[in-house]
Amino acid sequence: MNFALLAATALTLAAPAVAQTTPIAPASPTITPPPAPAVALPTKARAASSSPDAARRGPHHRRMPPSAGELRVRAANRAATLDPTTGGYLGGVQVYPYSDGVIYHLLTAPGQVTDIALQPGENLGAVASGDTVRWVIGDATSGGSDAGDAKRTHVLVKPFTEGLATNLVITTDRRTYHLALTSTAHTAMSALSWTYPADQLLALKAAAEPADAARAARSVASGFDIERLNFGYTIDGDHPAWRPLRAFDDGRQTFIEFPASIGEGEAPPLFLVDARGTASLVNYRVQGRYYVVDRIFAVAELRLGLKPQDVVRITRTGEGQAGRRRS
């Protein structure tokens, strides 16, 4: 009896303890984040990062500066380049004085053809360019097949787009031409040709001594230095029919070239103008269509007529020596 009472009491005391027991929630499963997607590097980036030199160069690698040899070549090309000048235009044609070794600058534009006219009677050998893909280059002739020395060869160039630069080499049976071609957006030279001072001086010397032209030619060829020619002259003022085409000197004499029609009318006298503006007549010789002055002057004027008077001023700038760049 007592045993049964104790058992019942034990069950009564144990029941609340079971009821108050908090159930334990099952453990949450471990969630593993998905792996980050692989990012493919561009081919050039992979190549750069895998290059053995990438670590040495670092992120701020710079190109190597030009070598001393490159700088010398650039300076020589700049010094040898002759740019277009206002005084060098004859109509729409830029006329350069030819000298061996000079690089002649030619400006072109898309949609426009520039004419490079060679000396009449000069036969074309070959034309070579550094860029034949983005430039159209051809040749043509004028004067007809029976014109003899009047037949003239023309090299025609046109760029496909602006911002291009290349060089052009033209060889003939008389000489070699070196040109630097540049393409602009809208500005193009219509035509380009040359004068040939060495040929003209040979003709002048021969005409001065017609009895011994061969001896004169030999004398000029042996003692004349083409590099001493100076074409640094400007011609300003009125525009009569006799207006000179150009002036140049050889360091000792000054030559003034007139149009071929100078012999058809009255020729203007030549005056030297000093620093005070005083004009005085100067001695000169007429040889063909040239005035030859046996001295170098700073400023001179050709004057003809009274009312009105035509005045053309010739000024020596000293910036056009053969083989040097005009600014």
Protein backbone atom coordinates (compact mmCIF):
# COMPACT_ATOMS: atom_id res chain seq x y z
CA MET A 1 0.00 0.00 0.00
CA ASN A 2 2.68 2.37 1.00
CA PHE A 3 4.71 1.27 -2.09
CA ALA A 4 1.81 2.07 -4.40
CA LEU A 5 1.35 5.50 -2.83
CA LEU A 6 5.04 6.35 -3.30
CA ALA A 7 4.94 5.29 -6.93
CA ALA A 8 1.91 7.45 -7.64
CA THR A 9 3.55 10.42 -5.96
CA ALA A 10 6.70 9.98 -8.04
CA LEU A 11 4.70 9.91 -11.29
CA THR A 12 2.81 13.10 -10.27
CA LEU A 13 6.04 14.99 -9.58
CA ALA A 14 7.69 13.83 -12.81
CA ALA A 15 4.85 14.81 -15.15
CA PRO A 16 5.32 18.65 -15.02
CA ALA A 17 9.00 18.27 -15.69
CA VAL A 18 8.30 16.43 -18.90
CA ALA A 19 5.67 18.97 -19.95
CA GLN A 20 8.04 21.92 -19.43
CA THR A 21 10.84 20.46 -21.53
CA THR A 22 11.52 22.70 -24.61
CA PRO A 23 11.76 20.74 -27.83
CA ILE A 24 15.07 21.14 -29.66
CA ALA A 25 14.76 22.21 -33.30
CA PRO A 26 16.71 20.15 -35.79
CA ALA A 27 19.98 21.75 -36.93
CA SER A 28 19.77 23.80 -40.16
CA PRO A 29 21.68 22.33 -43.08
CA THR A 30 24.94 24.21 -44.03
CA ILE A 31 24.47 26.39 -47.15
CA THR A 32 27.55 26.68 -49.38
CA PRO A 33 27.60 29.84 -51.60
CA PRO A 34 27.93 29.15 -55.34
CA PRO A 35 31.40 29.76 -56.83
CA ALA A 36 31.98 33.16 -58.50
CA PRO A 37 31.71 32.96 -62.28
CA ALA A 38 35.03 33.01 -64.11
CA VAL A 39 35.68 36.26 -66.07
CA ALA A 40 37.44 35.74 -69.38
CA LEU A 41 40.26 38.24 -70.00
CA PRO A 42 40.71 39.70 -73.48
CA THR A 43 43.41 38.08 -75.52
CA LYS A 44 45.70 41.14 -75.35
CA ALA A 45 45.17 41.41 -71.55
CA ARG A 46 45.99 37.73 -71.04
CA ALA A 47 49.04 38.07 -73.22
CA ALA A 48 50.20 41.15 -71.34
CA SER A 49 49.65 39.65 -67.90
CA SER A 50 51.35 36.41 -68.84
CA SER A 51 54.30 38.15 -70.47
CA PRO A 52 57.54 37.66 -68.53
CA ASP A 53 58.28 41.39 -69.02
CA ALA A 54 54.93 42.57 -67.58
CA ALA A 55 56.10 42.44 -63.98
CA ARG A 56 59.29 44.34 -64.81
CA ARG A 57 57.48 47.04 -66.85
CA GLY A 58 54.77 47.74 -64.30
CA PRO A 59 51.43 49.48 -64.96
CA HIS A 60 53.03 52.83 -65.93
CA HIS A 61 55.46 51.64 -68.60
CA ARG A 62 56.44 54.33 -71.17
CA ARG A 63 57.78 54.00 -74.68
CA MET A 64 61.49 54.42 -75.08
CA PRO A 65 62.56 57.91 -76.23
CA PRO A 66 63.97 58.24 -79.78
CA SER A 67 67.63 57.45 -80.15
CA ALA A 68 70.27 60.03 -81.03
CA GLY A 69 70.35 58.68 -84.58
CA GLU A 70 66.58 59.15 -84.98
CA LEU A 71 66.81 62.72 -83.71
CA ARG A 72 69.58 63.49 -86.19
CA VAL A 73 67.52 62.09 -89.07
CA ARG A 74 64.46 64.12 -88.03
CA ALA A 75 66.53 67.31 -87.76
CA ALA A 76 68.12 66.73 -91.17
CA ASN A 77 64.73 66.14 -92.82
CA ARG A 78 63.28 69.28 -91.26
CA ALA A 79 66.25 71.36 -92.41
CA ALA A 80 66.01 69.99 -95.97
CA THR A 81 62.23 70.52 -96.33
CA LEU A 82 61.03 73.48 -98.39
CA ASP A 83 57.49 74.67 -97.57
CA PRO A 84 55.12 76.60 -99.89
CA THR A 85 55.52 80.40 -99.77
CA THR A 86 53.29 83.23 -100.93
CA GLY A 87 56.04 84.68 -103.09
CA GLY A 88 56.61 81.32 -104.75
CA TYR A 89 53.18 81.23 -106.43
CA LEU A 90 52.80 81.93 -110.13
CA GLY A 91 49.04 82.04 -110.55
CA GLY A 92 47.81 78.87 -108.88
CA VAL A 93 51.12 77.03 -109.30
CA GLN A 94 53.66 76.83 -106.48
CA VAL A 95 57.07 77.15 -108.18
CA TYR A 96 60.03 75.78 -106.24
CA PRO A 97 63.69 76.36 -107.18
CA TYR A 98 65.12 72.91 -107.83
CA SER A 99 68.16 71.79 -105.86
CA ASP A 100 69.42 68.26 -105.41
CA GLY A 101 68.75 66.92 -101.91
CA VAL A 102 65.87 69.25 -101.04
CA ILE A 103 62.53 67.78 -99.88
CA TYR A 104 59.57 69.66 -101.35
CA HIS A 105 56.41 69.84 -99.20
CA LEU A 106 53.13 69.20 -101.03
CA LEU A 107 49.71 69.81 -99.43
CA THR A 108 46.76 67.76 -100.72
CA ALA A 109 43.11 67.12 -99.80
CA PRO A 110 40.55 64.33 -100.39
CA GLY A 111 38.53 64.74 -103.56
CA GLN A 112 41.15 67.00 -105.19
CA VAL A 113 43.95 66.12 -107.61
CA THR A 114 47.31 67.87 -107.32
CA ASP A 115 49.46 68.15 -110.46
CA ILE A 116 53.25 67.76 -110.17
CA ALA A 117 54.63 69.12 -113.46
CA LEU A 118 58.15 68.13 -114.50
CA GLN A 119 60.48 70.09 -116.76
CA PRO A 120 59.40 70.17 -120.44
CA GLY A 121 61.21 67.43 -122.35
CA GLU A 122 62.03 65.51 -119.15
CA ASN A 123 61.30 61.77 -119.41
CA LEU A 124 59.78 59.95 -116.46
CA GLY A 125 61.69 56.97 -115.08
CA ALA A 126 59.82 55.70 -111.99
CA VAL A 127 57.48 56.92 -109.25
CA ALA A 128 57.65 55.37 -105.76
CA SER A 129 55.61 56.18 -102.65
CA GLY A 130 55.72 55.00 -99.06
CA ASP A 131 51.91 54.52 -99.02
CA THR A 132 50.26 53.27 -102.20
CA VAL A 133 47.11 52.00 -100.44
CA ARG A 134 45.63 55.28 -99.22
CA TRP A 135 46.93 57.46 -102.05
CA VAL A 136 46.02 57.50 -105.75
CA ILE A 137 49.13 58.19 -107.85
CA GLY A 138 49.24 58.32 -111.64
CA ASP A 139 50.95 60.12 -114.49
CA ALA A 140 49.99 61.86 -117.72
CA THR A 141 51.63 63.92 -120.45
CA SER A 142 50.78 67.16 -122.21
CA GLY A 143 52.06 68.65 -125.43
CA GLY A 144 51.42 65.76 -127.82
CA SER A 145 53.71 63.04 -129.09
CA ASP A 146 55.19 65.25 -131.82
CA ALA A 147 55.92 68.22 -129.57
CA GLY A 148 59.55 67.31 -128.88
CA ASP A 149 60.87 69.29 -125.94
CA ALA A 150 57.43 70.85 -125.44
CA LYS A 151 56.10 67.50 -124.23
CA ARG A 152 55.65 67.59 -120.45
CA THR A 153 55.13 64.83 -117.88
CA HIS A 154 52.69 65.29 -115.00
CA VAL A 155 52.51 63.14 -111.85
CA LEU A 156 49.02 63.29 -110.31
CA VAL A 157 48.35 62.56 -106.62
CA LYS A 158 45.17 62.38 -104.51
CA PRO A 159 44.66 61.10 -100.92
CA PHE A 160 41.70 59.00 -99.82
CA THR A 161 41.29 60.87 -96.53
CA GLU A 162 42.73 63.68 -94.43
CA GLY A 163 45.48 63.31 -91.85
CA LEU A 164 47.79 61.21 -94.03
CA ALA A 165 51.50 61.70 -94.57
CA THR A 166 53.95 59.87 -96.80
CA ASN A 167 56.82 60.53 -99.17
CA LEU A 168 57.16 60.41 -102.95
CA VAL A 169 60.27 59.84 -105.06
CA ILE A 170 60.24 60.68 -108.78
CA THR A 171 63.17 59.69 -110.98
CA THR A 172 63.69 61.01 -114.52
CA ASP A 173 66.41 61.02 -117.14
CA ARG A 174 67.68 64.34 -115.71
CA ARG A 175 67.28 64.31 -111.93
CA THR A 176 65.51 62.88 -108.85
CA TYR A 177 62.72 64.65 -106.96
CA HIS A 178 61.96 64.04 -103.28
CA LEU A 179 58.55 65.17 -101.97
CA ALA A 180 56.79 65.05 -98.59
CA LEU A 181 53.03 64.58 -99.04
CA THR A 182 50.50 65.74 -96.43
CA SER A 183 46.70 65.50 -96.67
CA THR A 184 44.49 68.16 -95.07
CA ALA A 185 40.71 68.40 -94.75
CA HIS A 186 40.11 71.02 -97.45
CA THR A 187 43.35 72.77 -98.49
CA ALA A 188 45.20 71.44 -101.52
CA MET A 189 47.85 72.84 -103.84
CA SER A 190 46.51 72.84 -107.39
CA ALA A 191 49.87 72.37 -109.08
CA LEU A 192 53.58 72.26 -108.37
CA SER A 193 56.53 72.87 -110.70
CA TRP A 194 60.16 73.93 -110.54
CA THR A 195 62.63 76.39 -111.93
CA TYR A 196 66.12 75.10 -112.65
CA PRO A 197 68.67 77.74 -111.66
CA ALA A 198 71.70 75.67 -112.61
CA ASP A 199 70.40 75.25 -116.17
CA GLN A 200 69.48 78.94 -116.37
CA LEU A 201 72.87 80.09 -115.14
CA LEU A 202 74.62 77.87 -117.63
CA ALA A 203 72.53 79.47 -120.39
CA LEU A 204 73.32 82.95 -119.08
CA LYS A 205 77.04 82.32 -118.97
CA ALA A 206 76.98 80.79 -122.44
CA ALA A 207 75.03 83.77 -123.82
CA ALA A 208 77.54 86.17 -122.26
CA GLU A 209 80.34 84.59 -124.26
CA PRO A 210 78.75 83.24 -127.46
CA ALA A 211 82.14 82.92 -129.14
CA ASP A 212 83.25 80.39 -126.55
CA ALA A 213 80.08 78.85 -125.12
CA ALA A 214 81.72 75.50 -124.44
CA ARG A 215 84.45 77.11 -122.34
CA ALA A 216 81.86 79.12 -120.42
CA ALA A 217 79.85 75.99 -119.66
CA ARG A 218 82.95 74.19 -118.40
CA SER A 219 83.84 77.17 -116.22
CA VAL A 220 80.40 77.29 -114.62
CA ALA A 221 80.25 73.55 -114.10
CA SER A 222 83.63 73.51 -112.33
CA GLY A 223 83.28 76.65 -110.19
CA PHE A 224 79.56 77.08 -109.50
CA ASP A 225 78.21 75.79 -106.19
CA ILE A 226 74.46 75.11 -106.36
CA GLU A 227 74.29 75.09 -102.56
CA ARG A 228 75.22 78.79 -102.47
CA LEU A 229 72.11 79.88 -104.36
CA ASN A 230 69.82 82.07 -102.28
CA PHE A 231 66.16 82.43 -103.29
CA GLY A 232 65.20 84.41 -100.19
CA TYR A 233 63.60 87.36 -101.99
CA THR A 234 60.07 88.75 -101.86
CA ILE A 235 58.44 90.67 -104.71
CA ASP A 236 55.73 93.19 -103.79
CA GLY A 237 53.95 96.18 -105.29
CA ASP A 238 52.14 96.70 -108.58
CA HIS A 239 51.36 94.03 -111.17
CA PRO A 240 52.47 95.30 -114.58
CA ALA A 241 53.06 92.90 -117.47
CA TRP A 242 56.81 93.04 -116.81
CA ARG A 243 56.56 92.15 -113.07
CA PRO A 244 59.51 89.84 -112.23
CA LEU A 245 58.90 86.16 -111.64
CA ARG A 246 61.63 85.77 -109.02
CA ALA A 247 65.03 86.97 -107.84
CA PHE A 248 68.03 85.05 -106.50
CA ASP A 249 71.76 85.42 -105.95
CA ASP A 250 74.87 83.27 -105.75
CA GLY A 251 76.56 85.29 -103.02
CA ARG A 252 78.23 87.59 -105.53
CA GLN A 253 75.68 88.52 -108.19
CA THR A 254 71.91 89.07 -108.10
CA PHE A 255 69.66 87.74 -110.88
CA ILE A 256 66.16 89.09 -111.56
CA GLU A 257 64.03 86.94 -113.86
CA PHE A 258 61.27 88.53 -115.97
CA PRO A 259 58.47 87.01 -118.05
CA ALA A 260 59.34 86.02 -121.61
CA SER A 261 57.35 89.03 -122.86
CA ILE A 262 59.82 91.52 -121.31
CA GLY A 263 61.36 92.14 -124.74
CA GLU A 264 58.05 93.21 -126.28
CA GLY A 265 57.79 96.54 -124.46
CA GLU A 266 59.74 99.10 -122.47
CA ALA A 267 61.89 97.62 -119.71
CA PRO A 268 61.88 99.24 -116.25
CA PRO A 269 65.09 100.69 -114.75
CA LEU A 270 66.38 99.31 -111.46
CA PHE A 271 66.91 101.48 -108.37
CA LEU A 272 68.57 100.54 -105.09
CA VAL A 273 66.82 101.78 -101.95
CA ASP A 274 68.94 102.53 -98.87
CA ALA A 275 67.93 102.47 -95.20
CA ARG A 276 66.63 106.05 -95.38
CA GLY A 277 64.40 105.22 -98.34
CA THR A 278 66.53 107.07 -100.88
CA ALA A 279 66.52 105.47 -104.33
CA SER A 280 69.47 105.55 -106.72
CA LEU A 281 70.09 103.97 -110.11
CA VAL A 282 72.34 100.91 -110.17
CA ASN A 283 74.35 99.39 -113.00
CA TYR A 284 73.07 96.09 -114.35
CA ARG A 285 73.28 93.97 -117.49
CA VAL A 286 70.40 92.55 -119.50
CA GLN A 287 70.93 88.95 -120.56
CA GLY A 288 67.89 87.46 -122.23
CA ARG A 289 65.04 87.96 -119.77
CA TYR A 290 67.34 88.48 -116.77
CA TYR A 291 68.80 91.54 -115.09
CA VAL A 292 72.25 90.71 -113.70
CA VAL A 293 73.52 92.98 -110.91
CA ASP A 294 77.17 92.57 -109.88
CA ARG A 295 76.42 92.99 -106.19
CA ILE A 296 74.04 91.90 -103.40
CA PHE A 297 71.38 94.38 -102.32
CA ALA A 298 68.85 94.53 -99.49
CA VAL A 299 66.04 96.43 -101.23
CA ALA A 300 65.57 97.47 -104.86
CA GLU A 301 62.71 98.88 -106.91
CA LEU A 302 61.73 98.66 -110.56
CA ARG A 303 59.95 101.82 -111.67
CA LEU A 304 58.32 102.67 -114.99
CA GLY A 305 56.03 105.52 -116.02
CA LEU A 306 55.05 108.77 -114.35
CA LYS A 307 51.30 109.16 -113.81
CA PRO A 308 50.52 106.50 -112.88
CA GLN A 309 53.90 104.95 -112.11
CA ASP A 310 54.31 101.19 -111.74
CA VAL A 311 56.59 100.32 -108.82
CA VAL A 312 57.68 96.77 -107.93
CA ARG A 313 59.84 96.27 -104.82
CA ILE A 314 62.36 93.42 -104.44
CA THR A 315 63.47 92.65 -100.86
CA ARG A 316 66.17 90.20 -99.84
CA THR A 317 65.10 88.14 -96.80
CA GLY A 318 67.98 85.65 -96.76
CA GLU A 319 65.65 82.74 -95.85
CA GLY A 320 65.72 80.80 -99.10
CA GLN A 321 69.19 79.32 -99.41
CA ALA A 322 69.10 76.05 -101.34
CA GLY A 323 69.02 73.05 -99.05
CA ARG A 324 67.51 75.00 -96.13
CA ARG A 325 63.92 75.22 -95.07
CA ARG A 326 61.86 78.33 -95.62
CA SER A 327 59.87 79.44 -92.63
